Amino acid sequence: MINRQSAGTKGARGEGVGGQFKATTHPRGQTEVPRRKLPIQAINSSQARLLAEAKWGTGGTKSEPTGRVGVYYFSCSGHGGYVFDDAVLTQEERTLLLELGFTAENVLTVEDANTGHPDRVSSFFQKLTRQSINITRASSQKTNPNHLVWFMEEDCDFASVELVMKDVVHPNWTNIDNYCIQLADVCKRWSPNRETQIKLIDQLASDKQEYLSR
């Protein structure tokens, strides 16, 4: 069992699991987390924060480490969860999330016309029109109304993220033996395709357990 000093539980991820996760410092270094370079086509942390606040509310936003470059977690005034660009996923991870019943959302971006790097982001739920963002772009830029970003809410969706991405670790877990079991339990109760994906969820939990035990 790995126990770490509590950092307070209010607003902590995992509240949807009945408080089974205690707020602690992130056990970085315990899991041999690989550091990946952010893909040039992916949104950065500031852009992800903007989108999170547009979706879940502004004021008092806090971020937490996740274990992977390009995968962000925010606690906002109304809600919170993971925000990450589709570009940071492997093909296998993308397929698994789709099989569990999740989908990415279209976000409006102003991108470098040559590299696809998102210089600015907007979103349809921010009430900024495609026309208004077209007016302000430079000749070397293009607009993309279909830039894919995943929003995975903190109550339940977080568990699917952490099962699918082996290197993404809940910053509040305290017991490696129970962690993967708890993630699987949340997925079996709340993932959109839970009734048809029990075997897949169990396999993901087993794979995650093996990864963390290295």
C-alpha atoms as a PDB file:
ATOM      1  CA  MET A   1       0.000   0.000   0.000  1.00  0.00           C
ATOM      2  CA  ILE A   2       1.232   3.472  -0.873  1.00  0.00           C
ATOM      3  CA  ASN A   3      -0.090   6.191   1.432  1.00  0.00           C
ATOM      4  CA  ARG A   4       0.779   9.823   1.053  1.00  0.00           C
ATOM      5  CA  GLN A   5       0.038  12.944   3.011  1.00  0.00           C
ATOM      6  CA  SER A   6      -3.468  14.285   2.415  1.00  0.00           C
ATOM      7  CA  ALA A   7      -3.822  17.533   0.502  1.00  0.00           C
ATOM      8  CA  GLY A   8      -7.541  17.953   1.241  1.00  0.00           C
ATOM      9  CA  THR A   9     -10.469  16.300  -0.485  1.00  0.00           C
ATOM     10  CA  LYS A  10     -12.783  19.138  -1.495  1.00  0.00           C
ATOM     11  CA  GLY A  11     -13.131  19.195  -5.263  1.00  0.00           C
ATOM     12  CA  ALA A  12     -10.762  16.286  -5.685  1.00  0.00           C
ATOM     13  CA  ARG A  13     -11.141  13.887  -8.565  1.00  0.00           C
ATOM     14  CA  GLY A  14     -12.799  10.644  -7.720  1.00  0.00           C
ATOM     15  CA  GLU A  15     -15.686  12.128  -5.738  1.00  0.00           C
ATOM     16  CA  GLY A  16     -17.987  10.081  -7.974  1.00  0.00           C
ATOM     17  CA  VAL A  17     -16.447   6.938  -6.492  1.00  0.00           C
ATOM     18  CA  GLY A  18     -17.815   7.674  -3.041  1.00  0.00           C
ATOM     19  CA  GLY A  19     -14.621   9.191  -1.705  1.00  0.00           C
ATOM     20  CA  GLN A  20     -12.509   6.072  -2.271  1.00  0.00           C
ATOM     21  CA  PHE A  21      -9.684   8.224  -3.605  1.00  0.00           C
ATOM     22  CA  LYS A  22      -8.009  10.388  -0.979  1.00  0.00           C
ATOM     23  CA  ALA A  23      -6.460  13.659  -2.110  1.00  0.00           C
ATOM     24  CA  THR A  24      -2.694  13.220  -2.029  1.00  0.00           C
ATOM     25  CA  THR A  25       0.386  14.367  -3.829  1.00  0.00           C
ATOM     26  CA  HIS A  26       1.012  12.789  -7.226  1.00  0.00           C
ATOM     27  CA  PRO A  27       3.159   9.628  -6.960  1.00  0.00           C
ATOM     28  CA  ARG A  28       5.332  10.627  -9.878  1.00  0.00           C
ATOM     29  CA  GLY A  29       8.403   8.449 -10.144  1.00  0.00           C
ATOM     30  CA  GLN A  30       6.576   5.459  -8.728  1.00  0.00           C
ATOM     31  CA  THR A  31       5.087   4.462 -12.083  1.00  0.00           C
ATOM     32  CA  GLU A  32       7.924   5.015 -14.556  1.00  0.00           C
ATOM     33  CA  VAL A  33       5.785   7.471 -16.515  1.00  0.00           C
ATOM     34  CA  PRO A  34       7.130   8.077 -20.027  1.00  0.00           C
ATOM     35  CA  ARG A  35       7.375  11.720 -21.020  1.00  0.00           C
ATOM     36  CA  ARG A  36       6.120  12.400 -24.534  1.00  0.00           C
ATOM     37  CA  LYS A  37       6.719  15.463 -26.646  1.00  0.00           C
ATOM     38  CA  LEU A  38       3.536  17.402 -27.339  1.00  0.00           C
ATOM     39  CA  PRO A  39       2.475  16.805 -30.967  1.00  0.00           C
ATOM     40  CA  ILE A  40       2.664  20.008 -32.989  1.00  0.00           C
ATOM     41  CA  GLN A  41      -1.005  19.645 -33.939  1.00  0.00           C
ATOM     42  CA  ALA A  42      -2.156  19.417 -30.288  1.00  0.00           C
ATOM     43  CA  ILE A  43      -3.532  22.171 -28.070  1.00  0.00           C
ATOM     44  CA  ASN A  44      -1.302  23.346 -25.217  1.00  0.00           C
ATOM     45  CA  SER A  45      -2.144  23.687 -21.528  1.00  0.00           C
ATOM     46  CA  SER A  46      -3.333  27.310 -21.782  1.00  0.00           C
ATOM     47  CA  GLN A  47      -5.639  26.458 -24.658  1.00  0.00           C
ATOM     48  CA  ALA A  48      -6.949  23.404 -22.828  1.00  0.00           C
ATOM     49  CA  ARG A  49      -7.635  25.557 -19.759  1.00  0.00           C
ATOM     50  CA  LEU A  50      -9.584  28.034 -21.890  1.00  0.00           C
ATOM     51  CA  LEU A  51     -11.762  25.232 -23.233  1.00  0.00           C
ATOM     52  CA  ALA A  52     -12.236  23.682 -19.795  1.00  0.00           C
ATOM     53  CA  GLU A  53     -13.425  26.974 -18.344  1.00  0.00           C
ATOM     54  CA  ALA A  54     -15.741  27.545 -21.299  1.00  0.00           C
ATOM     55  CA  LYS A  55     -17.320  24.161 -20.642  1.00  0.00           C
ATOM     56  CA  TRP A  56     -17.211  23.937 -16.838  1.00  0.00           C
ATOM     57  CA  GLY A  57     -17.051  27.517 -15.571  1.00  0.00           C
ATOM     58  CA  THR A  58     -14.475  30.184 -14.777  1.00  0.00           C
ATOM     59  CA  GLY A  59     -13.077  31.244 -11.434  1.00  0.00           C
ATOM     60  CA  GLY A  60     -10.758  29.326  -9.136  1.00  0.00           C
ATOM     61  CA  THR A  61      -9.634  26.856 -11.788  1.00  0.00           C
ATOM     62  CA  LYS A  62      -7.006  24.408 -10.576  1.00  0.00           C
ATOM     63  CA  SER A  63      -4.942  21.956 -12.584  1.00  0.00           C
ATOM     64  CA  GLU A  64      -3.394  18.657 -11.558  1.00  0.00           C
ATOM     65  CA  PRO A  65      -0.577  16.549 -13.018  1.00  0.00           C
ATOM     66  CA  THR A  66      -1.663  13.564 -15.057  1.00  0.00           C
ATOM     67  CA  GLY A  67       1.508  11.748 -16.071  1.00  0.00           C
ATOM     68  CA  ARG A  68       1.364  12.468 -19.801  1.00  0.00           C
ATOM     69  CA  VAL A  69       2.286  15.532 -21.811  1.00  0.00           C
ATOM     70  CA  GLY A  70      -0.811  16.907 -23.536  1.00  0.00           C
ATOM     71  CA  VAL A  71      -3.327  15.310 -21.164  1.00  0.00           C
ATOM     72  CA  TYR A  72      -4.679  17.967 -18.798  1.00  0.00           C
ATOM     73  CA  TYR A  73      -6.930  17.861 -15.776  1.00  0.00           C
ATOM     74  CA  PHE A  74      -8.812  20.910 -14.487  1.00  0.00           C
ATOM     75  CA  SER A  75     -11.132  21.547 -11.563  1.00  0.00           C
ATOM     76  CA  CYS A  76     -13.322  24.488 -12.582  1.00  0.00           C
ATOM     77  CA  SER A  77     -16.026  26.410 -10.729  1.00  0.00           C
ATOM     78  CA  GLY A  78     -18.895  24.266 -12.019  1.00  0.00           C
ATOM     79  CA  HIS A  79     -17.293  20.925 -12.752  1.00  0.00           C
ATOM     80  CA  GLY A  80     -14.036  19.477 -14.037  1.00  0.00           C
ATOM     81  CA  GLY A  81     -12.230  16.644 -15.711  1.00  0.00           C
ATOM     82  CA  TYR A  82      -9.712  15.711 -18.354  1.00  0.00           C
ATOM     83  CA  VAL A  83      -9.171  17.762 -21.505  1.00  0.00           C
ATOM     84  CA  PHE A  84      -6.863  16.444 -24.210  1.00  0.00           C
ATOM     85  CA  ASP A  85      -6.306  16.748 -27.918  1.00  0.00           C
ATOM     86  CA  ASP A  86      -7.093  13.790 -30.142  1.00  0.00           C
ATOM     87  CA  ALA A  87      -3.508  14.070 -31.417  1.00  0.00           C
ATOM     88  CA  VAL A  88      -2.024  12.853 -28.115  1.00  0.00           C
ATOM     89  CA  LEU A  89      -3.789   9.487 -28.388  1.00  0.00           C
ATOM     90  CA  THR A  90      -2.381   6.394 -29.984  1.00  0.00           C
ATOM     91  CA  GLN A  91      -4.637   4.697 -32.498  1.00  0.00           C
ATOM     92  CA  GLU A  92      -5.271   1.907 -29.997  1.00  0.00           C
ATOM     93  CA  GLU A  93      -6.260   4.342 -27.252  1.00  0.00           C
ATOM     94  CA  ARG A  94      -8.604   6.202 -29.587  1.00  0.00           C
ATOM     95  CA  THR A  95     -10.256   2.949 -30.628  1.00  0.00           C
ATOM     96  CA  LEU A  96     -10.685   1.837 -27.009  1.00  0.00           C
ATOM     97  CA  LEU A  97     -12.334   5.091 -25.960  1.00  0.00           C
ATOM     98  CA  LEU A  98     -14.721   4.824 -28.896  1.00  0.00           C
ATOM     99  CA  GLU A  99     -15.511   1.216 -28.002  1.00  0.00           C
ATOM    100  CA  LEU A 100     -16.355   2.314 -24.459  1.00  0.00           C
ATOM    101  CA  GLY A 101     -18.838   4.776 -25.958  1.00  0.00           C
ATOM    102  CA  PHE A 102     -17.032   8.103 -25.740  1.00  0.00           C
ATOM    103  CA  THR A 103     -16.528  10.648 -28.514  1.00  0.00           C
ATOM    104  CA  ALA A 104     -14.419  13.762 -29.002  1.00  0.00           C
ATOM    105  CA  GLU A 105     -15.950  17.190 -29.608  1.00  0.00           C
ATOM    106  CA  ASN A 106     -15.306  19.601 -32.463  1.00  0.00           C
ATOM    107  CA  VAL A 107     -13.394  22.704 -31.426  1.00  0.00           C
ATOM    108  CA  LEU A 108     -12.775  25.690 -33.683  1.00  0.00           C
ATOM    109  CA  THR A 109      -9.074  26.504 -34.110  1.00  0.00           C
ATOM    110  CA  VAL A 110      -6.918  28.950 -36.023  1.00  0.00           C
ATOM    111  CA  GLU A 111      -3.989  26.864 -37.199  1.00  0.00           C
ATOM    112  CA  ASP A 112      -0.694  27.360 -38.960  1.00  0.00           C
ATOM    113  CA  ALA A 113      -1.454  26.570 -42.580  1.00  0.00           C
ATOM    114  CA  ASN A 114       1.742  24.532 -43.005  1.00  0.00           C
ATOM    115  CA  THR A 115       2.126  22.617 -39.738  1.00  0.00           C
ATOM    116  CA  GLY A 116      -1.415  22.468 -38.402  1.00  0.00           C
ATOM    117  CA  HIS A 117      -0.255  23.942 -35.081  1.00  0.00           C
ATOM    118  CA  PRO A 118      -3.272  25.502 -33.283  1.00  0.00           C
ATOM    119  CA  ASP A 119      -2.296  29.128 -32.686  1.00  0.00           C
ATOM    120  CA  ARG A 120      -5.679  29.958 -31.148  1.00  0.00           C
ATOM    121  CA  VAL A 121      -8.704  27.980 -30.050  1.00  0.00           C
ATOM    122  CA  SER A 122     -12.364  28.715 -29.827  1.00  0.00           C
ATOM    123  CA  SER A 123     -15.352  26.452 -29.481  1.00  0.00           C
ATOM    124  CA  PHE A 124     -18.946  26.506 -30.451  1.00  0.00           C
ATOM    125  CA  PHE A 125     -20.046  26.584 -26.827  1.00  0.00           C
ATOM    126  CA  GLN A 126     -18.054  29.802 -26.341  1.00  0.00           C
ATOM    127  CA  LYS A 127     -20.518  31.538 -28.690  1.00  0.00           C
ATOM    128  CA  LEU A 128     -17.779  32.756 -31.028  1.00  0.00           C
ATOM    129  CA  THR A 129     -18.821  32.354 -34.629  1.00  0.00           C
ATOM    130  CA  ARG A 130     -16.767  30.816 -37.371  1.00  0.00           C
ATOM    131  CA  GLN A 131     -17.078  34.057 -39.337  1.00  0.00           C
ATOM    132  CA  SER A 132     -15.665  36.208 -36.524  1.00  0.00           C
ATOM    133  CA  ILE A 133     -12.626  34.001 -36.095  1.00  0.00           C
ATOM    134  CA  ASN A 134     -12.043  33.908 -39.873  1.00  0.00           C
ATOM    135  CA  ILE A 135     -11.806  37.705 -39.971  1.00  0.00           C
ATOM    136  CA  THR A 136      -8.913  37.798 -37.502  1.00  0.00           C
ATOM    137  CA  ARG A 137      -6.722  35.082 -38.978  1.00  0.00           C
ATOM    138  CA  ALA A 138      -3.504  35.891 -40.852  1.00  0.00           C
ATOM    139  CA  SER A 139      -2.810  34.816 -44.413  1.00  0.00           C
ATOM    140  CA  SER A 140      -0.443  32.114 -43.119  1.00  0.00           C
ATOM    141  CA  GLN A 141      -3.236  30.612 -41.017  1.00  0.00           C
ATOM    142  CA  LYS A 142      -6.335  28.563 -41.669  1.00  0.00           C
ATOM    143  CA  THR A 143      -9.455  27.853 -39.635  1.00  0.00           C
ATOM    144  CA  ASN A 144     -10.424  24.347 -38.697  1.00  0.00           C
ATOM    145  CA  PRO A 145     -13.956  23.934 -37.311  1.00  0.00           C
ATOM    146  CA  ASN A 146     -13.398  20.218 -36.697  1.00  0.00           C
ATOM    147  CA  HIS A 147     -10.360  20.073 -34.448  1.00  0.00           C
ATOM    148  CA  LEU A 148     -11.046  17.120 -32.130  1.00  0.00           C
ATOM    149  CA  VAL A 149     -10.700  17.545 -28.371  1.00  0.00           C
ATOM    150  CA  TRP A 150     -11.836  15.100 -25.689  1.00  0.00           C
ATOM    151  CA  PHE A 151     -13.665  16.297 -22.561  1.00  0.00           C
ATOM    152  CA  MET A 152     -13.907  13.546 -19.933  1.00  0.00           C
ATOM    153  CA  GLU A 153     -15.752  14.612 -16.804  1.00  0.00           C
ATOM    154  CA  GLU A 154     -14.447  14.025 -13.312  1.00  0.00           C
ATOM    155  CA  ASP A 155     -17.405  12.165 -11.822  1.00  0.00           C
ATOM    156  CA  CYS A 156     -17.190   9.011 -13.913  1.00  0.00           C
ATOM    157  CA  ASP A 157     -15.428   9.489 -17.252  1.00  0.00           C
ATOM    158  CA  PHE A 158     -12.025   9.866 -15.579  1.00  0.00           C
ATOM    159  CA  ALA A 159     -11.890   6.131 -14.912  1.00  0.00           C
ATOM    160  CA  SER A 160     -12.054   5.258 -18.601  1.00  0.00           C
ATOM    161  CA  VAL A 161      -9.235   7.697 -19.370  1.00  0.00           C
ATOM    162  CA  GLU A 162      -7.016   6.163 -16.712  1.00  0.00           C
ATOM    163  CA  LEU A 163      -7.732   2.597 -17.779  1.00  0.00           C
ATOM    164  CA  VAL A 164      -7.116   3.276 -21.466  1.00  0.00           C
ATOM    165  CA  MET A 165      -3.983   5.415 -20.971  1.00  0.00           C
ATOM    166  CA  LYS A 166      -1.662   3.318 -18.850  1.00  0.00           C
ATOM    167  CA  ASP A 167       0.695   6.204 -18.093  1.00  0.00           C
ATOM    168  CA  VAL A 168      -2.079   8.544 -16.913  1.00  0.00           C
ATOM    169  CA  VAL A 169      -2.379   8.082 -13.156  1.00  0.00           C
ATOM    170  CA  HIS A 170      -4.960   9.522 -10.790  1.00  0.00           C
ATOM    171  CA  PRO A 171      -3.046  11.985  -8.580  1.00  0.00           C
ATOM    172  CA  ASN A 172      -5.078  10.958  -5.544  1.00  0.00           C
ATOM    173  CA  TRP A 173      -4.741   7.201  -5.430  1.00  0.00           C
ATOM    174  CA  THR A 174      -3.282   5.680  -2.289  1.00  0.00           C
ATOM    175  CA  ASN A 175      -3.370   1.928  -2.850  1.00  0.00           C
ATOM    176  CA  ILE A 176      -2.033   0.402  -6.050  1.00  0.00           C
ATOM    177  CA  ASP A 177      -3.839  -2.883  -5.365  1.00  0.00           C
ATOM    178  CA  ASN A 178      -7.285  -1.290  -5.217  1.00  0.00           C
ATOM    179  CA  TYR A 179      -6.750   1.478  -7.762  1.00  0.00           C
ATOM    180  CA  CYS A 180      -7.359  -0.542 -10.942  1.00  0.00           C
ATOM    181  CA  ILE A 181     -10.233  -2.465  -9.362  1.00  0.00           C
ATOM    182  CA  GLN A 182     -11.914   0.824  -8.475  1.00  0.00           C
ATOM    183  CA  LEU A 183     -11.391   2.201 -11.982  1.00  0.00           C
ATOM    184  CA  ALA A 184     -12.974  -0.893 -13.497  1.00  0.00           C
ATOM    185  CA  ASP A 185     -15.897  -0.663 -11.104  1.00  0.00           C
ATOM    186  CA  VAL A 186     -16.603   2.931 -12.128  1.00  0.00           C
ATOM    187  CA  CYS A 187     -16.398   2.009 -15.827  1.00  0.00           C
ATOM    188  CA  LYS A 188     -18.783  -0.906 -15.369  1.00  0.00           C
ATOM    189  CA  ARG A 189     -21.320   1.382 -13.744  1.00  0.00           C
ATOM    190  CA  TRP A 190     -21.001   4.522 -15.847  1.00  0.00           C
ATOM    191  CA  SER A 191     -19.259   4.110 -19.234  1.00  0.00           C
ATOM    192  CA  PRO A 192     -21.776   4.524 -22.095  1.00  0.00           C
ATOM    193  CA  ASN A 193     -21.216   1.018 -23.510  1.00  0.00           C
ATOM    194  CA  ARG A 194     -20.718  -0.703 -20.147  1.00  0.00           C
ATOM    195  CA  GLU A 195     -23.231  -3.484 -20.784  1.00  0.00           C
ATOM    196  CA  THR A 196     -21.345  -4.815 -23.817  1.00  0.00           C
ATOM    197  CA  GLN A 197     -17.769  -4.088 -22.734  1.00  0.00           C
ATOM    198  CA  ILE A 198     -17.357  -5.882 -19.376  1.00  0.00           C
ATOM    199  CA  LYS A 199     -14.602  -8.177 -20.681  1.00  0.00           C
ATOM    200  CA  LEU A 200     -12.775  -5.237 -22.257  1.00  0.00           C
ATOM    201  CA  ILE A 201     -12.923  -3.248 -19.014  1.00  0.00           C
ATOM    202  CA  ASP A 202     -11.574  -6.191 -17.013  1.00  0.00           C
ATOM    203  CA  GLN A 203      -8.723  -6.625 -19.505  1.00  0.00           C
ATOM    204  CA  LEU A 204      -7.860  -2.924 -19.365  1.00  0.00           C
ATOM    205  CA  ALA A 205      -7.777  -3.063 -15.570  1.00  0.00           C
ATOM    206  CA  SER A 206      -5.474  -6.092 -15.686  1.00  0.00           C
ATOM    207  CA  ASP A 207      -3.153  -4.378 -18.169  1.00  0.00           C
ATOM    208  CA  LYS A 208      -3.060  -1.220 -16.060  1.00  0.00           C
ATOM    209  CA  GLN A 209      -2.282  -3.214 -12.922  1.00  0.00           C
ATOM    210  CA  GLU A 210       0.594  -4.942 -14.687  1.00  0.00           C
ATOM    211  CA  TYR A 211       1.942  -1.609 -15.963  1.00  0.00           C
ATOM    212  CA  LEU A 212       1.871   0.021 -12.530  1.00  0.00           C
ATOM    213  CA  SER A 213       3.461  -3.002 -10.885  1.00  0.00           C
ATOM    214  CA  ARG A 214       6.630  -2.834 -12.964  1.00  0.00           C
END
